[in-house]
Structures are given as C-alpha cells and as structure tokens.
C-alpha cells in the first residue's frame, strides 16, 4: 500500500515539477485563481523565474529519485533522506502559514507533504 502511495506521489511530483518548470506563468495564475486572488499583472524578473524553475527542478527530482528508490532494493536506503526532504518542504509551508497568513493551498500542500 505504501509503495503505491509513493509511486503516485512520485508521478505527481514529476508531472507538477515539469509543469512548473516549463510554464511558470500558467502555474502562478492557477495558484492565484485557486486561492481567489486577482490575476497577476506585473512582470517577473529573470531571477524570480529562475528561483521558481529551480524549486520546480527540485520537486521533479524528488519524484524521480523516489521512483528510483522504489525500483530497486539497492536504492531503498534513499527513502529515508527523501522523507527528510518532504519534511523540510512541509515545515517551510507551515512557516508560511505562520508568517504569511492562512492559505488553503499551502495547508493542503503541507499536510500532503508531511504525510509522505
């Protein structure tokens, strides 16, 4: 059961990470729409887009490495460090809830990542 959950999480991370990397503007608009905010009308500087794409690459690779660890028992020891990575992401979301204010998107993401 846990193996299937991790496969599903891996595929979601790979898909959403690639989506965020290749079309960050669409993802930003989707998140703003999801939380009921006004559309973003400003411009994003290359440094901002670079940070967004870098995080997207990290999310994508979390999925790839998790799949690799599930593929072969030789790589199963990688699952523990990956769990710490997911914990770090969920703690960052919790800090955002405390510092930036409540967002259902952030809450759901944090709960899902802490569960993984």
PDB file of N, CA and C in Angstrom:
ATOM      1  N   UNK A   1       0.824  -1.209   0.000  1.00  0.00           N
ATOM      2  CA  UNK A   1       0.000   0.000   0.000  1.00  0.00           C
ATOM      3  C   UNK A   1       0.864   1.267   0.000  1.00  0.00           C
ATOM      4  N   UNK A   2       1.870   1.281   0.891  1.00  0.00           N
ATOM      5  CA  UNK A   2       2.746   2.449   0.967  1.00  0.00           C
ATOM      6  C   UNK A   2       3.515   2.628  -0.342  1.00  0.00           C
ATOM      7  N   UNK A   3       3.914   1.514  -0.926  1.00  0.00           N
ATOM      8  CA  UNK A   3       4.646   1.579  -2.199  1.00  0.00           C
ATOM      9  C   UNK A   3       3.798   2.264  -3.276  1.00  0.00           C
ATOM     10  N   UNK A   4       2.526   1.922  -3.352  1.00  0.00           N
ATOM     11  CA  UNK A   4       1.633   2.539  -4.351  1.00  0.00           C
ATOM     12  C   UNK A   4       1.438   4.025  -4.073  1.00  0.00           C
ATOM     13  N   UNK A   5       1.342   4.387  -2.801  1.00  0.00           N
ATOM     14  CA  UNK A   5       1.229   5.802  -2.433  1.00  0.00           C
ATOM     15  C   UNK A   5       2.479   6.553  -2.889  1.00  0.00           C
ATOM     16  N   UNK A   6       3.654   5.976  -2.646  1.00  0.00           N
ATOM     17  CA  UNK A   6       4.899   6.640  -3.042  1.00  0.00           C
ATOM     18  C   UNK A   6       5.047   6.727  -4.558  1.00  0.00           C
ATOM     19  N   UNK A   7       4.578   5.722  -5.269  1.00  0.00           N
ATOM     20  CA  UNK A   7       4.597   5.798  -6.739  1.00  0.00           C
ATOM     21  C   UNK A   7       3.694   6.937  -7.197  1.00  0.00           C
ATOM     22  N   UNK A   8       2.496   7.032  -6.625  1.00  0.00           N
ATOM     23  CA  UNK A   8       1.565   8.107  -7.004  1.00  0.00           C
ATOM     24  C   UNK A   8       2.157   9.475  -6.685  1.00  0.00           C
ATOM     25  N   UNK A   9       2.738   9.613  -5.497  1.00  0.00           N
ATOM     26  CA  UNK A   9       3.357  10.888  -5.114  1.00  0.00           C
ATOM     27  C   UNK A   9       4.506  11.223  -6.065  1.00  0.00           C
ATOM     28  N   UNK A  10       5.294  10.219  -6.424  1.00  0.00           N
ATOM     29  CA  UNK A  10       6.411  10.437  -7.344  1.00  0.00           C
ATOM     30  C   UNK A  10       5.923  10.953  -8.689  1.00  0.00           C
ATOM     31  N   UNK A  11       4.893  10.321  -9.208  1.00  0.00           N
ATOM     32  CA  UNK A  11       4.361  10.747 -10.511  1.00  0.00           C
ATOM     33  C   UNK A  11       3.780  12.146 -10.446  1.00  0.00           C
ATOM     34  N   UNK A  12       3.105  12.470  -9.349  1.00  0.00           N
ATOM     35  CA  UNK A  12       2.571  13.830  -9.171  1.00  0.00           C
ATOM     36  C   UNK A  12       3.721  14.831  -9.099  1.00  0.00           C
ATOM     37  N   UNK A  13       4.784  14.502  -8.350  1.00  0.00           N
ATOM     38  CA  UNK A  13       5.929  15.408  -8.250  1.00  0.00           C
ATOM     39  C   UNK A  13       6.609  15.603  -9.598  1.00  0.00           C
ATOM     40  N   UNK A  14       6.781  14.526 -10.342  1.00  0.00           N
ATOM     41  CA  UNK A  14       7.422  14.642 -11.653  1.00  0.00           C
ATOM     42  C   UNK A  14       6.562  15.490 -12.592  1.00  0.00           C
ATOM     43  N   UNK A  15       5.272  15.194 -12.636  1.00  0.00           N
ATOM     44  CA  UNK A  15       4.375  15.940 -13.525  1.00  0.00           C
ATOM     45  C   UNK A  15       4.238  17.400 -13.142  1.00  0.00           C
ATOM     46  N   UNK A  16       3.987  17.666 -11.856  1.00  0.00           N
ATOM     47  CA  UNK A  16       3.798  19.058 -11.447  1.00  0.00           C
ATOM     48  C   UNK A  16       5.109  19.826 -11.498  1.00  0.00           C
ATOM     49  N   UNK A  17       6.223  19.167 -11.161  1.00  0.00           N
ATOM     50  CA  UNK A  17       7.512  19.855 -11.240  1.00  0.00           C
ATOM     51  C   UNK A  17       7.859  20.248 -12.661  1.00  0.00           C
ATOM     52  N   UNK A  18       7.641  19.328 -13.595  1.00  0.00           N
ATOM     53  CA  UNK A  18       7.909  19.645 -15.005  1.00  0.00           C
ATOM     54  C   UNK A  18       6.972  20.742 -15.497  1.00  0.00           C
ATOM     55  N   UNK A  19       5.711  20.665 -15.088  1.00  0.00           N
ATOM     56  CA  UNK A  19       4.728  21.683 -15.471  1.00  0.00           C
ATOM     57  C   UNK A  19       5.171  23.050 -14.962  1.00  0.00           C
ATOM     58  N   UNK A  20       5.586  23.123 -13.688  1.00  0.00           N
ATOM     59  CA  UNK A  20       6.024  24.398 -13.114  1.00  0.00           C
ATOM     60  C   UNK A  20       7.284  24.912 -13.798  1.00  0.00           C
ATOM     61  N   UNK A  21       8.173  23.994 -14.190  1.00  0.00           N
ATOM     62  CA  UNK A  21       9.428  24.401 -14.805  1.00  0.00           C
ATOM     63  C   UNK A  21       9.207  24.986 -16.198  1.00  0.00           C
ATOM     64  N   UNK A  22       8.320  24.378 -16.970  1.00  0.00           N
ATOM     65  CA  UNK A  22       8.146  24.797 -18.359  1.00  0.00           C
ATOM     66  C   UNK A  22       7.110  25.893 -18.557  1.00  0.00           C
ATOM     67  N   UNK A  23       6.185  26.065 -17.622  1.00  0.00           N
ATOM     68  CA  UNK A  23       5.175  27.112 -17.777  1.00  0.00           C
ATOM     69  C   UNK A  23       4.874  27.783 -16.433  1.00  0.00           C
ATOM     70  N   UNK A  24       5.858  28.482 -15.867  1.00  0.00           N
ATOM     71  CA  UNK A  24       5.651  29.066 -14.538  1.00  0.00           C
ATOM     72  C   UNK A  24       4.528  30.103 -14.496  1.00  0.00           C
ATOM     73  N   UNK A  25       4.336  30.852 -15.575  1.00  0.00           N
ATOM     74  CA  UNK A  25       3.276  31.861 -15.564  1.00  0.00           C
ATOM     75  C   UNK A  25       1.900  31.215 -15.404  1.00  0.00           C
ATOM     76  N   UNK A  26       1.664  30.115 -16.108  1.00  0.00           N
ATOM     77  CA  UNK A  26       0.376  29.427 -16.016  1.00  0.00           C
ATOM     78  C   UNK A  26       0.152  28.905 -14.609  1.00  0.00           C
ATOM     79  N   UNK A  27       1.209  28.344 -13.997  1.00  0.00           N
ATOM     80  CA  UNK A  27       1.101  27.806 -12.640  1.00  0.00           C
ATOM     81  C   UNK A  27       0.807  28.931 -11.652  1.00  0.00           C
ATOM     82  N   UNK A  28       1.483  30.056 -11.802  1.00  0.00           N
ATOM     83  CA  UNK A  28       1.231  31.199 -10.914  1.00  0.00           C
ATOM     84  C   UNK A  28      -0.213  31.651 -11.043  1.00  0.00           C
ATOM     85  N   UNK A  29      -0.705  31.744 -12.244  1.00  0.00           N
ATOM     86  CA  UNK A  29      -2.104  32.133 -12.450  1.00  0.00           C
ATOM     87  C   UNK A  29      -3.062  31.102 -11.848  1.00  0.00           C
ATOM     88  N   UNK A  30      -2.737  29.815 -11.989  1.00  0.00           N
ATOM     89  CA  UNK A  30      -3.575  28.758 -11.440  1.00  0.00           C
ATOM     90  C   UNK A  30      -3.649  28.866  -9.917  1.00  0.00           C
ATOM     91  N   UNK A  31      -2.494  29.078  -9.270  1.00  0.00           N
ATOM     92  CA  UNK A  31      -2.472  29.197  -7.809  1.00  0.00           C
ATOM     93  C   UNK A  31      -3.252  30.431  -7.364  1.00  0.00           C
ATOM     94  N   UNK A  32      -3.055  31.557  -8.039  1.00  0.00           N
ATOM     95  CA  UNK A  32      -3.794  32.772  -7.688  1.00  0.00           C
ATOM     96  C   UNK A  32      -5.295  32.562  -7.857  1.00  0.00           C
ATOM     97  N   UNK A  33      -5.695  31.922  -8.936  1.00  0.00           N
ATOM     98  CA  UNK A  33      -7.107  31.636  -9.167  1.00  0.00           C
ATOM     99  C   UNK A  33      -7.648  30.684  -8.095  1.00  0.00           C
ATOM    100  N   UNK A  34      -6.870  29.669  -7.734  1.00  0.00           N
ATOM    101  CA  UNK A  34      -7.262  28.691  -6.731  1.00  0.00           C
ATOM    102  C   UNK A  34      -7.555  29.352  -5.396  1.00  0.00           C
ATOM    103  N   UNK A  35      -6.737  30.336  -5.030  1.00  0.00           N
ATOM    104  CA  UNK A  35      -6.928  30.991  -3.744  1.00  0.00           C
ATOM    105  C   UNK A  35      -7.827  32.223  -3.828  1.00  0.00           C
ATOM    106  N   UNK A  36      -8.375  32.484  -5.003  1.00  0.00           N
ATOM    107  CA  UNK A  36      -9.320  33.577  -5.153  1.00  0.00           C
ATOM    108  C   UNK A  36      -8.690  34.946  -5.253  1.00  0.00           C
ATOM    109  N   UNK A  37      -7.429  35.022  -5.626  1.00  0.00           N
ATOM    110  CA  UNK A  37      -6.738  36.307  -5.760  1.00  0.00           C
ATOM    111  C   UNK A  37      -6.958  36.891  -7.145  1.00  0.00           C
ATOM    112  N   UNK A  38      -6.663  38.160  -7.244  1.00  0.00           N
ATOM    113  CA  UNK A  38      -6.696  38.835  -8.540  1.00  0.00           C
ATOM    114  C   UNK A  38      -5.581  38.283  -9.423  1.00  0.00           C
ATOM    115  N   UNK A  39      -5.765  38.282 -10.751  1.00  0.00           N
ATOM    116  CA  UNK A  39      -4.688  37.843 -11.648  1.00  0.00           C
ATOM    117  C   UNK A  39      -3.459  38.726 -11.482  1.00  0.00           C
ATOM    118  N   UNK A  40      -2.294  38.146 -11.651  1.00  0.00           N
ATOM    119  CA  UNK A  40      -1.038  38.883 -11.556  1.00  0.00           C
ATOM    120  C   UNK A  40      -0.833  39.673 -12.835  1.00  0.00           C
ATOM    121  N   UNK A  41      -0.625  40.964 -12.706  1.00  0.00           N
ATOM    122  CA  UNK A  41      -0.483  41.813 -13.888  1.00  0.00           C
ATOM    123  C   UNK A  41       0.916  42.390 -14.034  1.00  0.00           C
ATOM    124  N   UNK A  42       1.795  42.103 -13.093  1.00  0.00           N
ATOM    125  CA  UNK A  42       3.164  42.616 -13.160  1.00  0.00           C
ATOM    126  C   UNK A  42       4.045  41.737 -14.025  1.00  0.00           C
ATOM    127  N   UNK A  43       5.304  42.052 -14.019  1.00  0.00           N
ATOM    128  CA  UNK A  43       6.267  41.239 -14.741  1.00  0.00           C
ATOM    129  C   UNK A  43       7.163  40.542 -13.728  1.00  0.00           C
ATOM    130  N   UNK A  44       7.611  39.389 -14.084  1.00  0.00           N
ATOM    131  CA  UNK A  44       8.537  38.645 -13.238  1.00  0.00           C
ATOM    132  C   UNK A  44       9.940  38.815 -13.789  1.00  0.00           C
ATOM    133  N   UNK A  45      10.861  39.147 -12.916  1.00  0.00           N
ATOM    134  CA  UNK A  45      12.255  39.305 -13.316  1.00  0.00           C
ATOM    135  C   UNK A  45      12.870  37.925 -13.565  1.00  0.00           C
ATOM    136  N   UNK A  46      13.918  37.864 -14.363  1.00  0.00           N
ATOM    137  CA  UNK A  46      14.574  36.579 -14.620  1.00  0.00           C
ATOM    138  C   UNK A  46      15.003  35.857 -13.337  1.00  0.00           C
ATOM    139  N   UNK A  47      15.430  36.608 -12.307  1.00  0.00           N
ATOM    140  CA  UNK A  47      15.843  35.968 -11.054  1.00  0.00           C
ATOM    141  C   UNK A  47      14.661  35.273 -10.388  1.00  0.00           C
ATOM    142  N   UNK A  48      13.487  35.890 -10.436  1.00  0.00           N
ATOM    143  CA  UNK A  48      12.288  35.278  -9.848  1.00  0.00           C
ATOM    144  C   UNK A  48      11.912  34.009 -10.600  1.00  0.00           C
ATOM    145  N   UNK A  49      11.931  34.085 -11.900  1.00  0.00           N
ATOM    146  CA  UNK A  49      11.627  32.901 -12.705  1.00  0.00           C
ATOM    147  C   UNK A  49      12.668  31.811 -12.476  1.00  0.00           C
ATOM    148  N   UNK A  50      13.933  32.208 -12.333  1.00  0.00           N
ATOM    149  CA  UNK A  50      14.985  31.240 -12.058  1.00  0.00           C
ATOM    150  C   UNK A  50      14.767  30.516 -10.738  1.00  0.00           C
ATOM    151  N   UNK A  51      14.343  31.240  -9.713  1.00  0.00           N
ATOM    152  CA  UNK A  51      14.053  30.611  -8.420  1.00  0.00           C
ATOM    153  C   UNK A  51      12.875  29.655  -8.534  1.00  0.00           C
ATOM    154  N   UNK A  52      11.860  30.076  -9.251  1.00  0.00           N
ATOM    155  CA  UNK A  52      10.674  29.233  -9.440  1.00  0.00           C
ATOM    156  C   UNK A  52      11.050  27.956 -10.185  1.00  0.00           C
ATOM    157  N   UNK A  53      11.848  28.094 -11.235  1.00  0.00           N
ATOM    158  CA  UNK A  53      12.266  26.925 -12.010  1.00  0.00           C
ATOM    159  C   UNK A  53      13.214  26.026 -11.200  1.00  0.00           C
ATOM    160  N   UNK A  54      14.066  26.622 -10.365  1.00  0.00           N
ATOM    161  CA  UNK A  54      14.976  25.825  -9.538  1.00  0.00           C
ATOM    162  C   UNK A  54      14.178  24.966  -8.549  1.00  0.00           C
ATOM    163  N   UNK A  55      13.193  25.550  -7.904  1.00  0.00           N
ATOM    164  CA  UNK A  55      12.346  24.781  -6.997  1.00  0.00           C
ATOM    165  C   UNK A  55      11.582  23.710  -7.767  1.00  0.00           C
ATOM    166  N   UNK A  56      11.150  24.036  -8.965  1.00  0.00           N
ATOM    167  CA  UNK A  56      10.448  23.061  -9.801  1.00  0.00           C
ATOM    168  C   UNK A  56      11.348  21.882 -10.144  1.00  0.00           C
ATOM    169  N   UNK A  57      12.614  22.164 -10.419  1.00  0.00           N
ATOM    170  CA  UNK A  57      13.564  21.093 -10.689  1.00  0.00           C
ATOM    171  C   UNK A  57      13.767  20.206  -9.475  1.00  0.00           C
ATOM    172  N   UNK A  58      13.791  20.808  -8.296  1.00  0.00           N
ATOM    173  CA  UNK A  58      13.922  20.036  -7.065  1.00  0.00           C
ATOM    174  C   UNK A  58      12.716  19.125  -6.855  1.00  0.00           C
ATOM    175  N   UNK A  59      11.522  19.639  -7.069  1.00  0.00           N
ATOM    176  CA  UNK A  59      10.303  18.840  -6.928  1.00  0.00           C
ATOM    177  C   UNK A  59      10.307  17.687  -7.936  1.00  0.00           C
ATOM    178  N   UNK A  60      10.704  17.978  -9.170  1.00  0.00           N
ATOM    179  CA  UNK A  60      10.773  16.937 -10.200  1.00  0.00           C
ATOM    180  C   UNK A  60      11.745  15.835  -9.786  1.00  0.00           C
ATOM    181  N   UNK A  61      12.915  16.216  -9.310  1.00  0.00           N
ATOM    182  CA  UNK A  61      13.919  15.221  -8.944  1.00  0.00           C
ATOM    183  C   UNK A  61      13.528  14.448  -7.687  1.00  0.00           C
ATOM    184  N   UNK A  62      12.777  15.047  -6.769  1.00  0.00           N
ATOM    185  CA  UNK A  62      12.254  14.277  -5.633  1.00  0.00           C
ATOM    186  C   UNK A  62      11.421  13.111  -6.149  1.00  0.00           C
ATOM    187  N   UNK A  63      10.617  13.377  -7.152  1.00  0.00           N
ATOM    188  CA  UNK A  63       9.808  12.313  -7.746  1.00  0.00           C
ATOM    189  C   UNK A  63      10.641  11.269  -8.448  1.00  0.00           C
ATOM    190  N   UNK A  64      11.630  11.713  -9.222  1.00  0.00           N
ATOM    191  CA  UNK A  64      12.483  10.777  -9.960  1.00  0.00           C
ATOM    192  C   UNK A  64      13.274   9.895  -8.997  1.00  0.00           C
ATOM    193  N   UNK A  65      13.878  10.491  -7.985  1.00  0.00           N
ATOM    194  CA  UNK A  65      14.699   9.720  -7.050  1.00  0.00           C
ATOM    195  C   UNK A  65      13.829   8.775  -6.216  1.00  0.00           C
ATOM    196  N   UNK A  66      12.634   9.207  -5.840  1.00  0.00           N
ATOM    197  CA  UNK A  66      11.740   8.317  -5.110  1.00  0.00           C
ATOM    198  C   UNK A  66      11.371   7.110  -5.969  1.00  0.00           C
ATOM    199  N   UNK A  67      11.046   7.342  -7.233  1.00  0.00           N
ATOM    200  CA  UNK A  67      10.756   6.213  -8.127  1.00  0.00           C
ATOM    201  C   UNK A  67      11.959   5.283  -8.245  1.00  0.00           C
ATOM    202  N   UNK A  68      13.144   5.850  -8.357  1.00  0.00           N
ATOM    203  CA  UNK A  68      14.357   5.027  -8.469  1.00  0.00           C
ATOM    204  C   UNK A  68      14.564   4.196  -7.207  1.00  0.00           C
ATOM    205  N   UNK A  69      14.321   4.797  -6.053  1.00  0.00           N
ATOM    206  CA  UNK A  69      14.482   4.073  -4.791  1.00  0.00           C
ATOM    207  C   UNK A  69      13.469   2.939  -4.671  1.00  0.00           C
ATOM    208  N   UNK A  70      12.290   3.117  -5.232  1.00  0.00           N
ATOM    209  CA  UNK A  70      11.268   2.068  -5.184  1.00  0.00           C
ATOM    210  C   UNK A  70      11.542   0.969  -6.207  1.00  0.00           C
ATOM    211  N   UNK A  71      12.288   1.290  -7.235  1.00  0.00           N
ATOM    212  CA  UNK A  71      12.537   0.379  -8.354  1.00  0.00           C
ATOM    213  C   UNK A  71      13.439  -0.780  -7.945  1.00  0.00           C
ATOM    214  N   UNK A  72      14.419  -0.487  -7.082  1.00  0.00           N
ATOM    215  CA  UNK A  72      15.424  -1.495  -6.746  1.00  0.00           C
ATOM    216  C   UNK A  72      15.719  -1.481  -5.252  1.00  0.00           C
ATOM    217  N   UNK A  73      15.795  -2.647  -4.630  1.00  0.00           N
ATOM    218  CA  UNK A  73      16.134  -2.703  -3.203  1.00  0.00           C
ATOM    219  C   UNK A  73      17.494  -2.079  -2.884  1.00  0.00           C
ATOM    220  N   UNK A  74      18.405  -2.052  -3.872  1.00  0.00           N
ATOM    221  CA  UNK A  74      19.711  -1.437  -3.649  1.00  0.00           C
ATOM    222  C   UNK A  74      19.609   0.053  -3.340  1.00  0.00           C
ATOM    223  N   UNK A  75      18.548   0.677  -3.782  1.00  0.00           N
ATOM    224  CA  UNK A  75      18.365   2.113  -3.579  1.00  0.00           C
ATOM    225  C   UNK A  75      17.337   2.442  -2.499  1.00  0.00           C
ATOM    226  N   UNK A  76      16.812   1.434  -1.821  1.00  0.00           N
ATOM    227  CA  UNK A  76      15.783   1.661  -0.811  1.00  0.00           C
ATOM    228  C   UNK A  76      16.279   2.539   0.332  1.00  0.00           C
ATOM    229  N   UNK A  77      17.571   2.532   0.582  1.00  0.00           N
ATOM    230  CA  UNK A  77      18.116   3.371   1.651  1.00  0.00           C
ATOM    231  C   UNK A  77      17.964   4.863   1.335  1.00  0.00           C
ATOM    232  N   UNK A  78      17.699   5.196   0.084  1.00  0.00           N
ATOM    233  CA  UNK A  78      17.482   6.594  -0.289  1.00  0.00           C
ATOM    234  C   UNK A  78      16.152   7.123   0.238  1.00  0.00           C
ATOM    235  N   UNK A  79      15.227   6.253   0.595  1.00  0.00           N
ATOM    236  CA  UNK A  79      13.903   6.710   1.011  1.00  0.00           C
ATOM    237  C   UNK A  79      13.952   7.534   2.296  1.00  0.00           C
ATOM    238  N   UNK A  80      14.859   7.207   3.212  1.00  0.00           N
ATOM    239  CA  UNK A  80      14.917   7.984   4.447  1.00  0.00           C
ATOM    240  C   UNK A  80      15.342   9.438   4.196  1.00  0.00           C
ATOM    241  N   UNK A  81      16.418   9.694   3.435  1.00  0.00           N
ATOM    242  CA  UNK A  81      16.740  11.099   3.158  1.00  0.00           C
ATOM    243  C   UNK A  81      15.632  11.820   2.391  1.00  0.00           C
ATOM    244  N   UNK A  82      14.932  11.094   1.523  1.00  0.00           N
ATOM    245  CA  UNK A  82      13.816  11.714   0.807  1.00  0.00           C
ATOM    246  C   UNK A  82      12.705  12.105   1.774  1.00  0.00           C
ATOM    247  N   UNK A  83      12.484  11.274   2.792  1.00  0.00           N
ATOM    248  CA  UNK A  83      11.475  11.615   3.799  1.00  0.00           C
ATOM    249  C   UNK A  83      11.849  12.911   4.513  1.00  0.00           C
ATOM    250  N   UNK A  84      13.132  13.097   4.784  1.00  0.00           N
ATOM    251  CA  UNK A  84      13.577  14.345   5.421  1.00  0.00           C
ATOM    252  C   UNK A  84      13.353  15.539   4.493  1.00  0.00           C
ATOM    253  N   UNK A  85      13.534  15.332   3.190  1.00  0.00           N
ATOM    254  CA  UNK A  85      13.277  16.419   2.224  1.00  0.00           C
ATOM    255  C   UNK A  85      11.807  16.815   2.249  1.00  0.00           C
ATOM    256  N   UNK A  86      10.915  15.823   2.239  1.00  0.00           N
ATOM    257  CA  UNK A  86       9.489  16.132   2.290  1.00  0.00           C
ATOM    258  C   UNK A  86       9.126  16.811   3.607  1.00  0.00           C
ATOM    259  N   UNK A  87       9.746  16.389   4.704  1.00  0.00           N
ATOM    260  CA  UNK A  87       9.507  17.052   5.982  1.00  0.00           C
ATOM    261  C   UNK A  87       9.944  18.509   5.920  1.00  0.00           C
ATOM    262  N   UNK A  88      11.098  18.760   5.285  1.00  0.00           N
ATOM    263  CA  UNK A  88      11.571  20.139   5.140  1.00  0.00           C
ATOM    264  C   UNK A  88      10.602  21.002   4.349  1.00  0.00           C
ATOM    265  N   UNK A  89      10.052  20.451   3.286  1.00  0.00           N
ATOM    266  CA  UNK A  89       9.079  21.199   2.487  1.00  0.00           C
ATOM    267  C   UNK A  89       7.832  21.485   3.312  1.00  0.00           C
ATOM    268  N   UNK A  90       7.359  20.492   4.068  1.00  0.00           N
ATOM    269  CA  UNK A  90       6.137  20.707   4.857  1.00  0.00           C
ATOM    270  C   UNK A  90       6.393  21.723   5.970  1.00  0.00           C
ATOM    271  N   UNK A  91       7.575  21.715   6.587  1.00  0.00           N
ATOM    272  CA  UNK A  91       7.886  22.712   7.610  1.00  0.00           C
ATOM    273  C   UNK A  91       7.969  24.116   7.012  1.00  0.00           C
ATOM    274  N   UNK A  92       8.474  24.212   5.789  1.00  0.00           N
ATOM    275  CA  UNK A  92       8.515  25.515   5.117  1.00  0.00           C
ATOM    276  C   UNK A  92       7.101  26.021   4.865  1.00  0.00           C
ATOM    277  N   UNK A  93       6.201  25.122   4.482  1.00  0.00           N
ATOM    278  CA  UNK A  93       4.805  25.538   4.275  1.00  0.00           C
ATOM    279  C   UNK A  93       4.167  25.964   5.594  1.00  0.00           C
ATOM    280  N   UNK A  94       4.466  25.231   6.680  1.00  0.00           N
ATOM    281  CA  UNK A  94       3.945  25.618   7.991  1.00  0.00           C
ATOM    282  C   UNK A  94       4.447  27.005   8.374  1.00  0.00           C
ATOM    283  N   UNK A  95       5.723  27.270   8.135  1.00  0.00           N
ATOM    284  CA  UNK A  95       6.246  28.599   8.456  1.00  0.00           C
ATOM    285  C   UNK A  95       5.559  29.660   7.607  1.00  0.00           C
ATOM    286  N   UNK A  96       5.197  29.325   6.380  1.00  0.00           N
ATOM    287  CA  UNK A  96       4.475  30.284   5.543  1.00  0.00           C
ATOM    288  C   UNK A  96       3.083  30.567   6.114  1.00  0.00           C
ATOM    289  N   UNK A  97       2.433  29.519   6.626  1.00  0.00           N
ATOM    290  CA  UNK A  97       1.123  29.731   7.254  1.00  0.00           C
ATOM    291  C   UNK A  97       1.238  30.668   8.455  1.00  0.00           C
ATOM    292  N   UNK A  98       2.310  30.532   9.203  1.00  0.00           N
ATOM    293  CA  UNK A  98       2.510  31.367  10.396  1.00  0.00           C
ATOM    294  C   UNK A  98       2.931  32.781  10.015  1.00  0.00           C
ATOM    295  N   UNK A  99       3.871  32.901   9.092  1.00  0.00           N
ATOM    296  CA  UNK A  99       4.445  34.206   8.755  1.00  0.00           C
ATOM    297  C   UNK A  99       3.646  34.992   7.725  1.00  0.00           C
ATOM    298  N   UNK A 100       3.032  34.276   6.764  1.00  0.00           N
ATOM    299  CA  UNK A 100       2.387  34.963   5.650  1.00  0.00           C
ATOM    300  C   UNK A 100       0.874  34.979   5.734  1.00  0.00           C
ATOM    301  N   UNK A 101       0.302  34.138   6.579  1.00  0.00           N
ATOM    302  CA  UNK A 101      -1.145  34.073   6.688  1.00  0.00           C
ATOM    303  C   UNK A 101      -1.692  32.774   6.112  1.00  0.00           C
ATOM    304  N   UNK A 102      -2.946  32.539   6.382  1.00  0.00           N
ATOM    305  CA  UNK A 102      -3.588  31.285   6.013  1.00  0.00           C
ATOM    306  C   UNK A 102      -3.875  31.216   4.523  1.00  0.00           C
ATOM    307  N   UNK A 103      -3.617  30.041   3.970  1.00  0.00           N
ATOM    308  CA  UNK A 103      -3.965  29.723   2.592  1.00  0.00           C
ATOM    309  C   UNK A 103      -4.331  28.249   2.559  1.00  0.00           C
ATOM    310  N   UNK A 104      -5.502  27.925   2.035  1.00  0.00           N
ATOM    311  CA  UNK A 104      -5.911  26.523   1.953  1.00  0.00           C
ATOM    312  C   UNK A 104      -4.944  25.741   1.070  1.00  0.00           C
ATOM    313  N   UNK A 105      -4.441  26.366   0.029  1.00  0.00           N
ATOM    314  CA  UNK A 105      -3.473  25.730  -0.866  1.00  0.00           C
ATOM    315  C   UNK A 105      -2.227  25.313  -0.083  1.00  0.00           C
ATOM    316  N   UNK A 106      -1.686  26.225   0.713  1.00  0.00           N
ATOM    317  CA  UNK A 106      -0.488  25.944   1.499  1.00  0.00           C
ATOM    318  C   UNK A 106      -0.762  24.890   2.564  1.00  0.00           C
ATOM    319  N   UNK A 107      -1.911  24.967   3.194  1.00  0.00           N
ATOM    320  CA  UNK A 107      -2.281  23.995   4.219  1.00  0.00           C
ATOM    321  C   UNK A 107      -2.384  22.588   3.636  1.00  0.00           C
ATOM    322  N   UNK A 108      -3.096  22.454   2.527  1.00  0.00           N
ATOM    323  CA  UNK A 108      -3.266  21.138   1.888  1.00  0.00           C
ATOM    324  C   UNK A 108      -1.910  20.604   1.414  1.00  0.00           C
ATOM    325  N   UNK A 109      -1.113  21.463   0.784  1.00  0.00           N
ATOM    326  CA  UNK A 109       0.212  21.030   0.336  1.00  0.00           C
ATOM    327  C   UNK A 109       1.072  20.572   1.493  1.00  0.00           C
ATOM    328  N   UNK A 110       1.056  21.308   2.583  1.00  0.00           N
ATOM    329  CA  UNK A 110       1.848  20.950   3.759  1.00  0.00           C
ATOM    330  C   UNK A 110       1.414  19.647   4.385  1.00  0.00           C
ATOM    331  N   UNK A 111       0.105  19.439   4.456  1.00  0.00           N
ATOM    332  CA  UNK A 111      -0.417  18.186   5.025  1.00  0.00           C
ATOM    333  C   UNK A 111      -0.020  17.002   4.145  1.00  0.00           C
ATOM    334  N   UNK A 112      -0.172  17.165   2.840  1.00  0.00           N
ATOM    335  CA  UNK A 112       0.201  16.075   1.923  1.00  0.00           C
ATOM    336  C   UNK A 112       1.694  15.756   2.024  1.00  0.00           C
ATOM    337  N   UNK A 113       2.525  16.786   2.062  1.00  0.00           N
ATOM    338  CA  UNK A 113       3.965  16.551   2.119  1.00  0.00           C
ATOM    339  C   UNK A 113       4.379  15.965   3.465  1.00  0.00           C
ATOM    340  N   UNK A 114       3.764  16.402   4.551  1.00  0.00           N
ATOM    341  CA  UNK A 114       4.068  15.819   5.860  1.00  0.00           C
ATOM    342  C   UNK A 114       3.632  14.364   5.931  1.00  0.00           C
ATOM    343  N   UNK A 115       2.519  14.046   5.277  1.00  0.00           N
ATOM    344  CA  UNK A 115       2.036  12.663   5.249  1.00  0.00           C
ATOM    345  C   UNK A 115       3.003  11.750   4.506  1.00  0.00           C
ATOM    346  N   UNK A 116       3.535  12.247   3.401  1.00  0.00           N
ATOM    347  CA  UNK A 116       4.505  11.452   2.626  1.00  0.00           C
ATOM    348  C   UNK A 116       5.723  11.172   3.472  1.00  0.00           C
TER     349      UNK A 116
END
